[in-house]
Amino acid sequence: MRRLAAPRALAPLRRRAFRLLAIGQVSSNVGDACYAVALPWYVLAAHGGVLLLGTVLAAYGVPRTALIAVGGYASDRWRPQTVMMATDAVRAVTLAALAVSAGLGPARAVVLVPIAVVIGAGEGLFLPGSFSIIPSLLSGDDLQAGNALASSGTQLATLAGPVVGGALIVLAGPSLAFGLDALSFAVSAATLAGLRRVRPMRGDAGHETPAAPAVGRLLRSERVLQIILLVNLAANFGLGGESEVALPALVHGPLHAGASGYGAVLAAFGGGALLGTIIAGPLGRLRRPAVVGSLAFLAEAACLAVTPYIGATAAVAAAMAGLGVLNGFGNVLTITAFQRWAPPSALGRLSGLLMLTSFGVFPISVALAAVVVRHWGPTPFFLLAAVTLAVAILAGLSQRAWRDFGAGHQTTTPEPAHHLEGQSV
């Protein structure tokens, strides 16, 4: 009997290596969502105070940002799965220690700050590898579907994890939620250990050769790389403050919706992002993925601009759902184009640069949002976020290098390498 072909969107699951990766990453993402609920509850409920919570979050965020570039180099030098496995193993032990500490007594800075530093450092080292590992497991034709499946798993975990974490806290306190996070990292490390002998699909990105391109030279000589980083930097300038400051201020203030309304708005965005990644997965190679993704981001900017004016929690949730669809869809297309374009031997370092432009601007964005919202309310910052996103995307579209980025003339066979210095701009 003839076997039925798997749908394009599910084709990556035929590869055992990708299935292992997906299982491990969904597990760790669920654990992270539990941790995100348990940490503030543990600190605030145990009379640690907002100051301690802010200190712990800063102790996490600073090393995460500082070590992203180091993680990119390590990913290229020792292969992504090796770096990811090592950092997950360390974080599993660290979270287990936090679970024990939470079970023994109240939150203390002397315990929480060093733990936060280790977890943040691990995340910074991990992130570039998580970006560059999928091209080493999948052929070019399956890459976009693989990115969509990976993003969908993250969104599902983000939706389900807080529910699981909240239930665990109610049943047994934050210690059990921290313990589940530790277990999830152990599961992820075990699945990544199973990938260490997998042969890369696009050349061995884990071993440097004399022919490997120097990232500094690529950054100086390749206009498209400069455009990508500048567009990402400008586009994220307003988005961090919008999501972390302006949106909760809008729901809490003008809408008077309370915590349940805010939760519904966040869930709507998450559900929309999940749908957007699902839509992008089976599309295959587009002739101009950067252009299509840019149009989605411009529509996202329009959603941002109208959000503070539509006047009801349900309407804001609908706008956030639409924003999530467009964001998830555009991200899958542009990330896949970037992965196909970058030399495999430099993908980790280039991914680190890309993430640094996202995470590096976050503190500035939230600080600016706090000032704007305090003096003029949330509406102006939604407009600022929409304008900066739209201007960044339009500036990119004005450049031929961006419009041609990821163009469909590339071959459909697995790429041994696409050296950026060989492309004409």
Protein backbone atom coordinates (compact mmCIF):
# COMPACT_ATOMS: atom_id res chain seq x y z
CA MET A 1 0.00 0.00 0.00
CA ARG A 2 1.30 3.43 -0.93
CA ARG A 3 2.18 5.58 2.07
CA LEU A 4 0.43 8.92 2.29
CA ALA A 5 2.77 11.90 2.14
CA ALA A 6 2.82 14.06 5.23
CA PRO A 7 1.45 17.60 4.79
CA ARG A 8 4.18 20.16 4.08
CA ALA A 9 3.64 21.81 7.46
CA LEU A 10 4.35 18.52 9.29
CA ALA A 11 7.16 17.24 7.04
CA PRO A 12 9.97 18.19 9.50
CA LEU A 13 8.50 15.74 12.05
CA ARG A 14 9.58 12.88 9.83
CA ARG A 15 13.14 13.48 11.00
CA ARG A 16 13.89 11.96 14.39
CA ALA A 17 16.41 14.71 15.19
CA PHE A 18 13.81 17.44 14.76
CA ARG A 19 11.29 15.50 16.86
CA LEU A 20 13.81 15.26 19.68
CA LEU A 21 14.51 18.98 19.46
CA ALA A 22 10.80 19.83 19.46
CA ILE A 23 10.10 17.66 22.50
CA GLY A 24 12.94 19.16 24.48
CA GLN A 25 12.15 22.76 23.60
CA VAL A 26 8.42 22.48 24.30
CA SER A 27 9.30 20.94 27.65
CA SER A 28 11.71 23.73 28.61
CA ASN A 29 9.31 26.42 27.38
CA VAL A 30 6.53 25.06 29.57
CA GLY A 31 8.95 25.06 32.50
CA ASP A 32 10.01 28.64 31.75
CA ALA A 33 6.38 29.76 31.73
CA CYS A 34 5.89 28.14 35.14
CA TYR A 35 9.00 29.92 36.40
CA ALA A 36 7.70 33.26 35.09
CA VAL A 37 4.59 32.84 37.24
CA ALA A 38 6.33 31.36 40.29
CA LEU A 39 9.18 33.86 40.67
CA PRO A 40 7.18 37.06 41.27
CA TRP A 41 4.69 35.13 43.42
CA TYR A 42 7.51 33.71 45.55
CA VAL A 43 9.28 37.05 45.97
CA LEU A 44 6.20 39.19 46.65
CA ALA A 45 4.23 36.68 48.71
CA ALA A 46 7.25 36.03 50.91
CA HIS A 47 7.59 39.77 51.67
CA GLY A 48 10.61 40.18 49.44
CA GLY A 49 9.14 43.33 47.94
CA VAL A 50 9.18 44.95 44.53
CA LEU A 51 12.77 46.13 45.01
CA LEU A 52 14.02 42.56 45.41
CA LEU A 53 11.98 41.43 42.42
CA GLY A 54 13.45 44.21 40.27
CA THR A 55 16.96 43.35 41.46
CA VAL A 56 16.49 39.69 40.60
CA LEU A 57 15.11 40.51 37.15
CA ALA A 58 18.06 42.84 36.49
CA ALA A 59 20.47 40.14 37.65
CA TYR A 60 18.87 37.87 35.05
CA GLY A 61 18.64 40.36 32.20
CA VAL A 62 22.14 41.86 32.26
CA PRO A 63 24.16 38.62 31.85
CA ARG A 64 21.63 37.33 29.32
CA THR A 65 22.26 40.32 27.05
CA ALA A 66 26.01 40.42 27.73
CA LEU A 67 26.58 36.77 26.77
CA ILE A 68 24.47 36.53 23.61
CA ALA A 69 27.48 37.30 21.40
CA VAL A 70 29.58 34.76 23.33
CA GLY A 71 26.84 32.19 22.82
CA GLY A 72 26.91 32.85 19.08
CA TYR A 73 30.66 32.23 18.92
CA ALA A 74 30.35 29.08 21.06
CA SER A 75 27.55 27.77 18.84
CA ASP A 76 29.71 28.11 15.74
CA ARG A 77 32.77 26.68 17.47
CA TRP A 78 31.27 23.63 19.21
CA ARG A 79 27.92 23.10 17.40
CA PRO A 80 24.59 24.47 18.70
CA GLN A 81 23.37 21.25 20.34
CA THR A 82 26.52 20.96 22.47
CA VAL A 83 26.24 24.51 23.83
CA MET A 84 22.47 24.20 24.35
CA MET A 85 22.86 20.87 26.16
CA ALA A 86 25.54 22.23 28.50
CA THR A 87 23.58 25.37 29.40
CA ASP A 88 20.37 23.39 29.97
CA ALA A 89 22.17 20.95 32.27
CA VAL A 90 23.58 23.83 34.34
CA ARG A 91 20.19 25.53 34.51
CA ALA A 92 18.52 22.27 35.58
CA VAL A 93 20.86 22.03 38.58
CA THR A 94 20.43 25.74 39.38
CA LEU A 95 16.62 25.55 39.26
CA ALA A 96 16.68 22.46 41.44
CA ALA A 97 18.64 24.45 44.01
CA LEU A 98 16.08 27.25 43.78
CA ALA A 99 13.25 24.75 44.32
CA VAL A 100 14.94 23.49 47.47
CA SER A 101 15.58 27.03 48.72
CA ALA A 102 11.95 28.04 48.09
CA GLY A 103 10.78 25.01 50.03
CA LEU A 104 12.96 25.87 53.02
CA GLY A 105 12.15 29.52 53.52
CA PRO A 106 11.30 33.01 52.21
CA ALA A 107 12.98 34.80 49.32
CA ARG A 108 16.44 36.17 50.07
CA ALA A 109 18.66 38.26 47.82
CA VAL A 110 21.77 36.32 48.80
CA VAL A 111 20.21 33.21 47.23
CA LEU A 112 18.08 34.60 44.42
CA VAL A 113 20.56 37.03 42.83
CA PRO A 114 23.35 34.46 42.14
CA ILE A 115 20.75 32.01 40.84
CA ALA A 116 19.30 34.67 38.55
CA VAL A 117 22.78 35.49 37.22
CA VAL A 118 23.43 31.83 36.33
CA ILE A 119 20.02 31.40 34.69
CA GLY A 120 20.37 34.63 32.71
CA ALA A 121 23.89 33.73 31.59
CA GLY A 122 22.66 30.32 30.50
CA GLU A 123 19.85 31.91 28.49
CA GLY A 124 22.26 34.27 26.75
CA LEU A 125 24.57 31.42 25.79
CA PHE A 126 21.62 29.25 24.71
CA LEU A 127 19.70 31.66 22.47
CA PRO A 128 21.97 31.86 19.39
CA GLY A 129 22.22 28.08 19.25
CA SER A 130 18.45 27.72 19.43
CA PHE A 131 18.25 30.02 16.40
CA SER A 132 20.95 28.25 14.36
CA ILE A 133 20.25 24.60 15.17
CA ILE A 134 17.19 24.05 12.94
CA PRO A 135 19.07 24.64 9.64
CA SER A 136 21.55 21.97 10.71
CA LEU A 137 18.73 19.42 11.13
CA LEU A 138 16.49 20.16 8.13
CA SER A 139 16.96 20.55 4.41
CA GLY A 140 16.17 23.87 2.77
CA ASP A 141 12.71 22.77 1.60
CA ASP A 142 11.63 21.87 5.15
CA LEU A 143 13.28 24.78 6.93
CA GLN A 144 10.33 27.19 6.92
CA ALA A 145 7.93 24.49 8.13
CA GLY A 146 10.43 23.57 10.85
CA ASN A 147 10.65 27.16 12.05
CA ALA A 148 6.87 27.38 12.06
CA LEU A 149 6.54 24.18 14.11
CA ALA A 150 9.20 25.35 16.56
CA SER A 151 7.50 28.73 16.97
CA SER A 152 4.11 27.05 17.35
CA GLY A 153 5.48 24.86 20.13
CA THR A 154 6.79 27.94 21.90
CA GLN A 155 3.42 29.69 21.63
CA LEU A 156 1.54 26.63 22.90
CA ALA A 157 3.90 26.36 25.85
CA THR A 158 3.48 30.08 26.56
CA LEU A 159 -0.29 29.63 26.64
CA ALA A 160 -0.33 26.43 28.71
CA GLY A 161 2.62 27.05 31.02
CA PRO A 162 1.13 29.84 33.16
CA VAL A 163 -1.97 27.71 33.78
CA VAL A 164 0.18 24.79 34.90
CA GLY A 165 2.40 27.03 37.00
CA GLY A 166 -0.54 28.72 38.68
CA ALA A 167 -2.11 25.37 39.55
CA LEU A 168 1.15 24.09 41.03
CA ILE A 169 1.52 27.21 43.16
CA VAL A 170 -2.02 26.81 44.48
CA LEU A 171 -1.43 23.14 45.25
CA ALA A 172 2.05 23.17 46.74
CA GLY A 173 3.59 26.64 46.51
CA PRO A 174 6.28 27.99 44.17
CA SER A 175 8.82 25.32 45.08
CA LEU A 176 7.00 22.71 43.00
CA ALA A 177 6.81 25.08 40.01
CA PHE A 178 10.56 25.71 40.23
CA GLY A 179 11.08 21.96 40.46
CA LEU A 180 9.07 21.40 37.29
CA ASP A 181 11.20 24.00 35.51
CA ALA A 182 14.34 22.16 36.64
CA LEU A 183 12.91 18.89 35.33
CA SER A 184 12.02 20.52 32.01
CA PHE A 185 15.62 21.65 31.53
CA ALA A 186 16.82 18.13 32.33
CA VAL A 187 14.47 16.73 29.66
CA SER A 188 15.74 19.30 27.16
CA ALA A 189 19.39 18.48 27.96
CA ALA A 190 18.67 14.77 27.47
CA THR A 191 17.04 15.31 24.06
CA LEU A 192 19.91 17.57 22.97
CA ALA A 193 22.38 14.89 24.02
CA GLY A 194 20.65 12.65 21.49
CA LEU A 195 21.44 15.20 18.77
CA ARG A 196 25.18 15.42 19.33
CA ARG A 197 25.92 12.73 16.74
CA VAL A 198 23.49 14.07 14.14
CA ARG A 199 25.27 15.06 10.96
CA PRO A 200 24.44 18.65 9.97
CA MET A 201 22.31 19.07 6.84
CA ARG A 202 24.10 22.22 5.61
CA GLY A 203 27.74 21.60 6.29
CA ASP A 204 29.26 21.33 9.74
CA ALA A 205 28.53 24.62 11.46
CA GLY A 206 30.24 23.33 14.58
CA HIS A 207 33.79 23.29 13.25
CA GLU A 208 35.59 26.39 12.06
CA THR A 209 37.65 26.17 8.89
CA PRO A 210 40.08 28.67 7.38
CA ALA A 211 37.43 29.50 4.78
CA ALA A 212 34.86 30.51 7.40
CA PRO A 213 33.87 34.16 6.87
CA ALA A 214 34.84 36.71 9.50
CA VAL A 215 31.69 38.24 10.93
CA GLY A 216 33.34 41.64 11.36
CA ARG A 217 34.27 41.70 7.68
CA LEU A 218 30.76 40.66 6.68
CA LEU A 219 29.30 43.38 8.86
CA ARG A 220 31.51 45.99 7.19
CA SER A 221 31.08 44.80 3.61
CA GLU A 222 27.56 43.37 3.32
CA ARG A 223 24.93 46.09 3.05
CA VAL A 224 22.06 43.64 3.47
CA LEU A 225 23.41 42.56 6.86
CA GLN A 226 23.69 46.19 7.95
CA ILE A 227 20.10 46.81 6.83
CA ILE A 228 18.80 43.72 8.65
CA LEU A 229 20.39 44.76 11.95
CA LEU A 230 19.30 48.40 11.67
CA VAL A 231 15.73 47.47 10.74
CA ASN A 232 15.55 45.02 13.66
CA LEU A 233 16.96 47.59 16.07
CA ALA A 234 14.52 50.31 15.00
CA ALA A 235 11.53 47.98 14.82
CA ASN A 236 12.10 46.75 18.38
CA PHE A 237 12.65 50.22 19.79
CA GLY A 238 8.98 50.68 20.60
CA LEU A 239 7.74 47.10 20.86
CA GLY A 240 9.30 46.27 24.22
CA GLY A 241 7.79 49.27 25.96
CA GLU A 242 4.45 48.71 24.23
CA SER A 243 4.10 45.12 25.43
CA GLU A 244 5.57 45.50 28.93
CA VAL A 245 4.40 49.01 29.94
CA ALA A 246 1.87 50.63 27.61
CA LEU A 247 -0.40 47.62 27.10
CA PRO A 248 -0.88 46.77 30.81
CA ALA A 249 -1.32 50.50 31.53
CA LEU A 250 -4.04 50.70 28.87
CA VAL A 251 -5.89 47.69 30.25
CA HIS A 252 -5.51 48.78 33.87
CA GLY A 253 -6.26 52.47 33.28
CA PRO A 254 -8.61 53.55 30.50
CA LEU A 255 -10.20 50.12 30.04
CA HIS A 256 -10.47 49.30 33.80
CA ALA A 257 -10.42 45.60 32.89
CA GLY A 258 -8.40 44.21 35.79
CA ALA A 259 -6.08 41.20 35.84
CA SER A 260 -8.54 38.87 34.10
CA GLY A 261 -8.94 41.32 31.21
CA TYR A 262 -5.18 41.68 30.88
CA GLY A 263 -4.82 37.91 30.85
CA ALA A 264 -7.40 37.67 28.09
CA VAL A 265 -5.55 40.28 26.02
CA LEU A 266 -2.24 38.40 26.41
CA ALA A 267 -3.90 35.11 25.55
CA ALA A 268 -5.39 36.69 22.42
CA PHE A 269 -1.95 37.82 21.28
CA GLY A 270 -0.47 34.39 21.99
CA GLY A 271 -3.27 32.63 20.13
CA GLY A 272 -2.86 34.97 17.19
CA ALA A 273 0.90 34.40 17.08
CA LEU A 274 0.30 30.65 17.10
CA LEU A 275 -2.10 30.97 14.16
CA GLY A 276 0.36 33.16 12.26
CA THR A 277 3.16 30.61 12.56
CA ILE A 278 0.81 27.82 11.48
CA ILE A 279 -0.20 29.80 8.38
CA ALA A 280 3.42 30.50 7.43
CA GLY A 281 4.63 26.91 7.77
CA PRO A 282 3.16 25.27 4.64
CA LEU A 283 3.75 28.20 2.28
CA GLY A 284 7.08 26.93 1.01
CA ARG A 285 9.56 29.23 -0.67
CA LEU A 286 8.20 32.60 -1.68
CA ARG A 287 9.71 34.73 -4.45
CA ARG A 288 10.17 37.71 -2.11
CA PRO A 289 9.83 36.57 1.52
CA ALA A 290 11.27 39.80 2.92
CA VAL A 291 8.69 41.84 1.03
CA VAL A 292 5.80 39.62 2.14
CA GLY A 293 7.05 39.67 5.72
CA SER A 294 7.45 43.44 5.58
CA LEU A 295 3.84 43.87 4.46
CA ALA A 296 2.77 41.80 7.48
CA PHE A 297 4.84 44.01 9.78
CA LEU A 298 3.34 47.17 8.26
CA ALA A 299 -0.15 45.77 8.93
CA GLU A 300 1.05 45.02 12.48
CA ALA A 301 2.02 48.69 12.85
CA ALA A 302 -1.52 49.66 11.78
CA CYS A 303 -2.97 47.37 14.47
CA LEU A 304 -0.74 49.02 17.06
CA ALA A 305 -1.83 52.48 16.02
CA VAL A 306 -5.57 51.81 16.37
CA THR A 307 -5.39 49.71 19.56
CA PRO A 308 -5.70 52.54 22.13
CA TYR A 309 -8.68 54.09 20.31
CA ILE A 310 -11.05 51.13 19.99
CA GLY A 311 -12.31 51.49 23.53
CA ALA A 312 -13.29 48.03 24.81
CA THR A 313 -11.35 45.11 26.22
CA ALA A 314 -12.80 42.67 23.70
CA ALA A 315 -11.85 44.97 20.83
CA VAL A 316 -8.32 45.41 22.17
CA ALA A 317 -8.03 41.63 22.50
CA ALA A 318 -9.14 41.28 18.87
CA ALA A 319 -6.54 43.83 17.79
CA MET A 320 -3.87 41.99 19.76
CA ALA A 321 -4.92 38.72 18.14
CA GLY A 322 -4.53 40.29 14.71
CA LEU A 323 -1.20 41.77 15.73
CA GLY A 324 -0.08 38.32 16.91
CA VAL A 325 -1.07 36.68 13.61
CA LEU A 326 0.89 39.25 11.61
CA ASN A 327 3.90 39.14 13.91
CA GLY A 328 4.12 35.35 13.98
CA PHE A 329 3.66 35.12 10.20
CA GLY A 330 6.26 37.78 9.41
CA ASN A 331 8.79 36.39 11.89
CA VAL A 332 8.71 32.89 10.40
CA LEU A 333 9.28 34.23 6.87
CA THR A 334 12.12 36.61 7.75
CA ILE A 335 13.87 34.24 10.16
CA THR A 336 13.82 31.46 7.56
CA ALA A 337 15.20 33.81 4.91
CA PHE A 338 18.01 34.82 7.28
CA GLN A 339 18.91 31.22 8.05
CA ARG A 340 19.02 30.28 4.36
CA TRP A 341 21.14 33.32 3.54
CA ALA A 342 23.78 33.08 6.27
CA PRO A 343 26.90 30.92 5.95
CA PRO A 344 26.40 27.86 8.19
CA SER A 345 29.83 28.36 9.78
CA ALA A 346 28.84 31.87 10.92
CA LEU A 347 25.12 31.42 11.63
CA GLY A 348 25.53 31.30 15.40
CA ARG A 349 27.48 34.55 15.55
CA LEU A 350 25.17 36.28 13.09
CA SER A 351 22.19 35.08 15.10
CA GLY A 352 23.81 36.51 18.21
CA LEU A 353 24.14 39.90 16.50
CA LEU A 354 20.51 39.77 15.42
CA MET A 355 19.30 38.92 18.93
CA LEU A 356 21.54 41.55 20.45
CA THR A 357 19.74 44.23 18.43
CA SER A 358 16.45 42.94 19.87
CA PHE A 359 17.41 42.44 23.52
CA GLY A 360 19.87 45.34 23.68
CA VAL A 361 17.23 47.99 22.97
CA PHE A 362 14.69 46.50 25.40
CA PRO A 363 15.81 48.41 28.56
CA ILE A 364 15.71 51.71 26.67
CA SER A 365 12.27 50.94 25.28
CA VAL A 366 10.69 50.10 28.63
CA ALA A 367 12.35 53.06 30.37
CA LEU A 368 11.07 55.45 27.69
CA ALA A 369 7.62 53.88 27.87
CA ALA A 370 7.52 54.37 31.64
CA VAL A 371 8.24 58.09 31.23
CA VAL A 372 5.76 58.59 28.38
CA VAL A 373 2.95 56.63 30.04
CA ARG A 374 3.46 58.39 33.36
CA HIS A 375 3.16 61.88 31.85
CA TRP A 376 0.85 61.43 28.87
CA GLY A 377 -0.80 58.03 29.26
CA PRO A 378 -0.42 54.87 27.14
CA THR A 379 -1.90 56.16 23.87
CA PRO A 380 1.14 58.20 22.69
CA PHE A 381 3.46 55.27 23.19
CA PHE A 382 1.28 52.97 21.07
CA LEU A 383 1.57 55.58 18.32
CA LEU A 384 5.33 55.85 18.85
CA ALA A 385 5.71 52.06 18.62
CA ALA A 386 3.59 51.96 15.46
CA VAL A 387 5.50 54.79 13.80
CA THR A 388 8.98 53.42 14.61
CA LEU A 389 7.97 49.96 13.35
CA ALA A 390 6.47 51.35 10.14
CA VAL A 391 9.41 53.70 9.47
CA ALA A 392 11.91 50.88 10.05
CA ILE A 393 10.12 48.55 7.64
CA LEU A 394 9.61 51.24 4.99
CA ALA A 395 13.28 52.19 5.24
CA GLY A 396 14.17 48.56 4.66
CA LEU A 397 11.84 48.30 1.66
CA SER A 398 13.48 51.37 0.14
CA GLN A 399 16.67 49.31 -0.19
CA ARG A 400 16.99 46.80 -3.02
CA ALA A 401 19.16 44.57 -0.83
CA TRP A 402 16.23 44.13 1.58
CA ARG A 403 13.63 43.62 -1.14
CA ASP A 404 15.81 40.91 -2.72
CA PHE A 405 16.62 39.29 0.63
CA GLY A 406 15.71 35.59 0.50
CA ALA A 407 14.61 35.90 -3.15
CA GLY A 408 13.28 32.70 -4.68
CA HIS A 409 16.09 32.27 -7.21
CA GLN A 410 18.09 30.22 -4.70
CA THR A 411 18.36 26.50 -5.28
CA THR A 412 15.96 24.09 -3.64
CA THR A 413 18.63 21.59 -2.69
CA PRO A 414 20.29 21.75 0.74
CA GLU A 415 22.76 24.62 0.64
CA PRO A 416 26.35 23.67 1.49
CA ALA A 417 27.10 27.36 2.09
CA HIS A 418 25.95 30.77 0.90
CA HIS A 419 28.91 33.03 1.57
CA LEU A 420 27.60 36.52 2.00
CA GLU A 421 30.65 38.11 0.46
CA GLY A 422 29.76 36.47 -2.85
CA GLN A 423 26.37 38.14 -3.17
CA SER A 424 25.80 41.26 -5.21
CA VAL A 425 23.79 44.03 -3.60
